[in-house]
Amino acid sequence: MVPVLLRNCAPELIEQFVEVVTPISDYTYRWKLNTGSKKEKHERADLMAVTGKPILTIDFKTAKRYRKANKMPHQFRRAAWTDLTVEVYL
């Protein structure tokens, strides 16, 4: 599932830069970005056992700022919103 603020991105762009999407729970995903270099299996991080903080989390506040910055319609209603958290890791 692609978050609402990434739905307008070209799928090829997401496929090029997102190496792995790991569902953690309902509405929570971890994305491992493709840095351009392949790692050996023993060098790869286990996204189910991450101990560091993500470089970005997309939540209601982030989506609302994105909507305003891009002059998108006012269709975000907090009462009807369920946070979709996408944690992005390098």
N, C-alpha and C. Protein backbone atom coordinates (compact mmCIF):
# COMPACT_ATOMS: atom_id res chain seq x y z
N MET A 1 0.85 -1.18 0.00
CA MET A 1 0.00 0.00 0.00
C MET A 1 0.89 1.24 0.00
N VAL A 2 0.60 2.19 -0.84
CA VAL A 2 1.37 3.41 -0.95
C VAL A 2 0.61 4.52 -0.23
N PRO A 3 1.30 5.27 0.65
CA PRO A 3 0.62 6.35 1.37
C PRO A 3 0.00 7.35 0.41
N VAL A 4 -1.04 8.04 0.88
CA VAL A 4 -1.79 8.97 0.04
C VAL A 4 -0.89 10.02 -0.58
N LEU A 5 0.14 10.51 0.12
CA LEU A 5 0.95 11.56 -0.46
C LEU A 5 1.95 11.03 -1.47
N LEU A 6 2.03 9.72 -1.67
CA LEU A 6 2.92 9.18 -2.69
C LEU A 6 2.15 8.58 -3.85
N ARG A 7 0.84 8.63 -3.80
CA ARG A 7 0.03 8.02 -4.86
C ARG A 7 0.25 8.68 -6.21
N ASN A 8 0.61 9.96 -6.22
CA ASN A 8 0.82 10.65 -7.48
C ASN A 8 2.22 10.46 -8.04
N CYS A 9 3.10 9.80 -7.30
CA CYS A 9 4.45 9.52 -7.79
C CYS A 9 4.39 8.41 -8.84
N ALA A 10 5.31 8.48 -9.77
CA ALA A 10 5.39 7.42 -10.77
C ALA A 10 5.82 6.13 -10.07
N PRO A 11 5.12 5.02 -10.31
CA PRO A 11 5.48 3.75 -9.68
C PRO A 11 6.93 3.36 -9.95
N GLU A 12 7.44 3.73 -11.11
CA GLU A 12 8.83 3.40 -11.43
C GLU A 12 9.79 4.10 -10.47
N LEU A 13 9.45 5.30 -10.04
CA LEU A 13 10.29 6.04 -9.12
C LEU A 13 10.35 5.34 -7.78
N ILE A 14 9.19 4.92 -7.28
CA ILE A 14 9.15 4.20 -6.01
C ILE A 14 9.91 2.88 -6.13
N GLU A 15 9.69 2.15 -7.23
CA GLU A 15 10.37 0.88 -7.41
C GLU A 15 11.89 1.06 -7.49
N GLN A 16 12.34 2.18 -8.04
CA GLN A 16 13.77 2.42 -8.18
C GLN A 16 14.43 2.70 -6.83
N PHE A 17 13.74 3.40 -5.94
CA PHE A 17 14.38 3.84 -4.70
C PHE A 17 13.95 3.09 -3.45
N VAL A 18 12.86 2.34 -3.50
CA VAL A 18 12.42 1.58 -2.34
C VAL A 18 12.77 0.11 -2.57
N GLU A 19 13.69 -0.39 -1.76
CA GLU A 19 14.16 -1.76 -1.92
C GLU A 19 13.21 -2.78 -1.31
N VAL A 20 12.74 -2.49 -0.10
CA VAL A 20 11.89 -3.44 0.64
C VAL A 20 10.81 -2.68 1.38
N VAL A 21 9.58 -3.19 1.35
CA VAL A 21 8.49 -2.68 2.19
C VAL A 21 8.10 -3.79 3.13
N THR A 22 8.19 -3.51 4.44
CA THR A 22 7.88 -4.51 5.45
C THR A 22 6.68 -4.04 6.27
N PRO A 23 5.54 -4.75 6.19
CA PRO A 23 4.40 -4.40 7.05
C PRO A 23 4.73 -4.76 8.50
N ILE A 24 4.53 -3.82 9.40
CA ILE A 24 4.82 -4.04 10.82
C ILE A 24 3.54 -4.34 11.59
N SER A 25 2.51 -3.57 11.30
CA SER A 25 1.19 -3.76 11.90
C SER A 25 0.19 -3.04 11.00
N ASP A 26 -1.08 -3.01 11.40
CA ASP A 26 -2.06 -2.27 10.62
C ASP A 26 -1.62 -0.82 10.50
N TYR A 27 -1.57 -0.32 9.30
CA TYR A 27 -1.25 1.07 9.01
C TYR A 27 0.19 1.47 9.35
N THR A 28 1.07 0.52 9.52
CA THR A 28 2.47 0.81 9.80
C THR A 28 3.36 -0.03 8.91
N TYR A 29 4.25 0.64 8.18
CA TYR A 29 5.15 -0.03 7.25
C TYR A 29 6.55 0.51 7.44
N ARG A 30 7.55 -0.30 7.17
CA ARG A 30 8.94 0.14 7.15
C ARG A 30 9.46 0.00 5.74
N TRP A 31 10.01 1.09 5.23
CA TRP A 31 10.59 1.09 3.89
C TRP A 31 12.10 1.12 4.01
N LYS A 32 12.77 0.26 3.31
CA LYS A 32 14.23 0.26 3.23
C LYS A 32 14.56 0.84 1.87
N LEU A 33 15.28 1.97 1.87
CA LEU A 33 15.61 2.63 0.61
C LEU A 33 16.78 1.94 -0.07
N ASN A 34 16.76 1.97 -1.38
CA ASN A 34 17.83 1.43 -2.19
C ASN A 34 18.88 2.52 -2.33
N THR A 35 20.07 2.29 -1.82
CA THR A 35 21.14 3.29 -1.88
C THR A 35 22.03 3.11 -3.10
N GLY A 36 21.71 2.16 -3.94
CA GLY A 36 22.48 1.96 -5.16
C GLY A 36 23.54 0.89 -5.07
N SER A 37 23.82 0.43 -3.86
CA SER A 37 24.82 -0.63 -3.71
C SER A 37 24.18 -1.85 -3.06
N LYS A 38 24.43 -3.00 -3.64
CA LYS A 38 23.88 -4.25 -3.10
C LYS A 38 24.71 -4.70 -1.90
N LYS A 39 24.01 -5.11 -0.85
CA LYS A 39 24.69 -5.63 0.33
C LYS A 39 24.56 -7.14 0.35
N GLU A 40 25.54 -7.78 0.92
CA GLU A 40 25.47 -9.22 1.11
C GLU A 40 24.39 -9.51 2.15
N LYS A 41 23.88 -10.73 2.14
CA LYS A 41 22.79 -11.10 3.04
C LYS A 41 23.13 -10.81 4.50
N HIS A 42 24.36 -11.13 4.91
CA HIS A 42 24.75 -10.92 6.32
C HIS A 42 24.90 -9.44 6.68
N GLU A 43 24.96 -8.54 5.68
CA GLU A 43 25.09 -7.11 5.93
C GLU A 43 23.74 -6.40 6.01
N ARG A 44 22.70 -7.07 5.58
CA ARG A 44 21.38 -6.44 5.53
C ARG A 44 20.74 -6.36 6.91
N ALA A 45 20.03 -5.25 7.15
CA ALA A 45 19.34 -5.06 8.42
C ALA A 45 18.03 -5.84 8.40
N ASP A 46 17.66 -6.35 9.55
CA ASP A 46 16.36 -7.01 9.72
C ASP A 46 15.36 -5.93 10.10
N LEU A 47 14.45 -5.59 9.19
CA LEU A 47 13.51 -4.51 9.45
C LEU A 47 12.49 -4.85 10.54
N MET A 48 12.42 -6.10 10.94
CA MET A 48 11.53 -6.46 12.04
C MET A 48 12.22 -6.23 13.39
N ALA A 49 13.52 -6.00 13.38
CA ALA A 49 14.27 -5.83 14.62
C ALA A 49 15.07 -4.53 14.61
N VAL A 50 14.49 -3.47 14.09
CA VAL A 50 15.17 -2.18 14.00
C VAL A 50 15.28 -1.57 15.39
N THR A 51 16.46 -1.05 15.70
CA THR A 51 16.65 -0.40 17.00
C THR A 51 16.83 1.11 16.86
N GLY A 52 17.25 1.58 15.68
CA GLY A 52 17.44 3.01 15.45
C GLY A 52 16.13 3.70 15.12
N LYS A 53 16.20 5.02 15.06
CA LYS A 53 15.02 5.80 14.70
C LYS A 53 14.94 5.94 13.19
N PRO A 54 13.72 6.00 12.65
CA PRO A 54 13.57 6.19 11.19
C PRO A 54 13.99 7.61 10.81
N ILE A 55 14.35 7.80 9.53
CA ILE A 55 14.69 9.15 9.09
C ILE A 55 13.45 9.97 8.79
N LEU A 56 12.28 9.31 8.66
CA LEU A 56 11.03 10.01 8.38
C LEU A 56 9.86 9.14 8.79
N THR A 57 8.86 9.73 9.42
CA THR A 57 7.62 9.04 9.69
C THR A 57 6.49 9.89 9.11
N ILE A 58 5.66 9.30 8.27
CA ILE A 58 4.55 10.02 7.64
C ILE A 58 3.30 9.77 8.47
N ASP A 59 2.81 10.82 9.11
CA ASP A 59 1.61 10.71 9.93
C ASP A 59 0.64 11.81 9.51
N PHE A 60 -0.42 12.03 10.28
CA PHE A 60 -1.43 13.02 9.92
C PHE A 60 -0.83 14.41 9.76
N LYS A 61 0.01 14.83 10.70
CA LYS A 61 0.60 16.17 10.64
C LYS A 61 1.45 16.33 9.38
N THR A 62 2.23 15.32 9.05
CA THR A 62 3.08 15.36 7.86
C THR A 62 2.23 15.45 6.61
N ALA A 63 1.19 14.64 6.53
CA ALA A 63 0.29 14.65 5.36
C ALA A 63 -0.41 16.00 5.23
N LYS A 64 -0.81 16.58 6.35
CA LYS A 64 -1.49 17.87 6.32
C LYS A 64 -0.55 18.97 5.82
N ARG A 65 0.69 18.98 6.28
CA ARG A 65 1.67 19.96 5.80
C ARG A 65 1.93 19.78 4.30
N TYR A 66 2.02 18.53 3.86
CA TYR A 66 2.24 18.23 2.45
C TYR A 66 1.07 18.76 1.61
N ARG A 67 -0.15 18.53 2.09
CA ARG A 67 -1.33 18.99 1.38
C ARG A 67 -1.31 20.51 1.23
N LYS A 68 -1.01 21.22 2.31
CA LYS A 68 -0.99 22.69 2.27
C LYS A 68 0.12 23.19 1.35
N ALA A 69 1.30 22.61 1.45
CA ALA A 69 2.44 23.05 0.64
C ALA A 69 2.20 22.85 -0.85
N ASN A 70 1.39 21.85 -1.19
CA ASN A 70 1.13 21.54 -2.59
C ASN A 70 -0.25 21.98 -3.05
N LYS A 71 -0.90 22.82 -2.23
CA LYS A 71 -2.22 23.39 -2.57
C LYS A 71 -3.22 22.33 -3.01
N MET A 72 -3.28 21.25 -2.25
CA MET A 72 -4.20 20.16 -2.55
C MET A 72 -5.55 20.44 -1.88
N PRO A 73 -6.63 19.80 -2.32
CA PRO A 73 -7.96 20.02 -1.73
C PRO A 73 -7.99 19.74 -0.22
N HIS A 74 -8.89 20.40 0.47
CA HIS A 74 -9.03 20.24 1.92
C HIS A 74 -9.87 19.01 2.24
N GLN A 75 -9.37 17.86 1.95
CA GLN A 75 -10.13 16.63 2.18
C GLN A 75 -9.64 15.85 3.39
N PHE A 76 -8.70 16.39 4.15
CA PHE A 76 -8.20 15.69 5.33
C PHE A 76 -9.05 16.09 6.53
N ARG A 77 -9.68 15.14 7.14
CA ARG A 77 -10.48 15.38 8.34
C ARG A 77 -9.92 14.51 9.45
N ARG A 78 -9.48 15.15 10.50
CA ARG A 78 -8.81 14.42 11.60
C ARG A 78 -9.70 13.32 12.15
N ALA A 79 -11.00 13.56 12.29
CA ALA A 79 -11.89 12.56 12.88
C ALA A 79 -12.00 11.31 12.01
N ALA A 80 -11.80 11.44 10.72
CA ALA A 80 -11.92 10.30 9.80
C ALA A 80 -10.54 9.74 9.42
N TRP A 81 -9.49 10.29 9.99
CA TRP A 81 -8.12 9.91 9.61
C TRP A 81 -7.58 8.79 10.50
N THR A 82 -6.94 7.82 9.89
CA THR A 82 -6.14 6.82 10.60
C THR A 82 -4.72 6.99 10.13
N ASP A 83 -3.81 7.24 11.06
CA ASP A 83 -2.42 7.45 10.67
C ASP A 83 -1.89 6.25 9.89
N LEU A 84 -1.23 6.53 8.80
CA LEU A 84 -0.50 5.53 8.05
C LEU A 84 0.95 5.85 8.27
N THR A 85 1.61 5.09 9.07
CA THR A 85 3.00 5.38 9.41
C THR A 85 3.91 4.60 8.47
N VAL A 86 4.73 5.33 7.78
CA VAL A 86 5.74 4.73 6.90
C VAL A 86 7.09 5.16 7.45
N GLU A 87 7.81 4.25 8.06
CA GLU A 87 9.12 4.54 8.57
C GLU A 87 10.11 4.26 7.46
N VAL A 88 10.95 5.23 7.17
CA VAL A 88 11.90 5.11 6.07
C VAL A 88 13.31 4.99 6.64
N TYR A 89 14.01 3.96 6.19
CA TYR A 89 15.36 3.68 6.66
C TYR A 89 16.31 3.60 5.48
N LEU A 90 17.56 3.97 5.71
CA LEU A 90 18.59 3.83 4.69
C LEU A 90 19.23 2.46 4.79
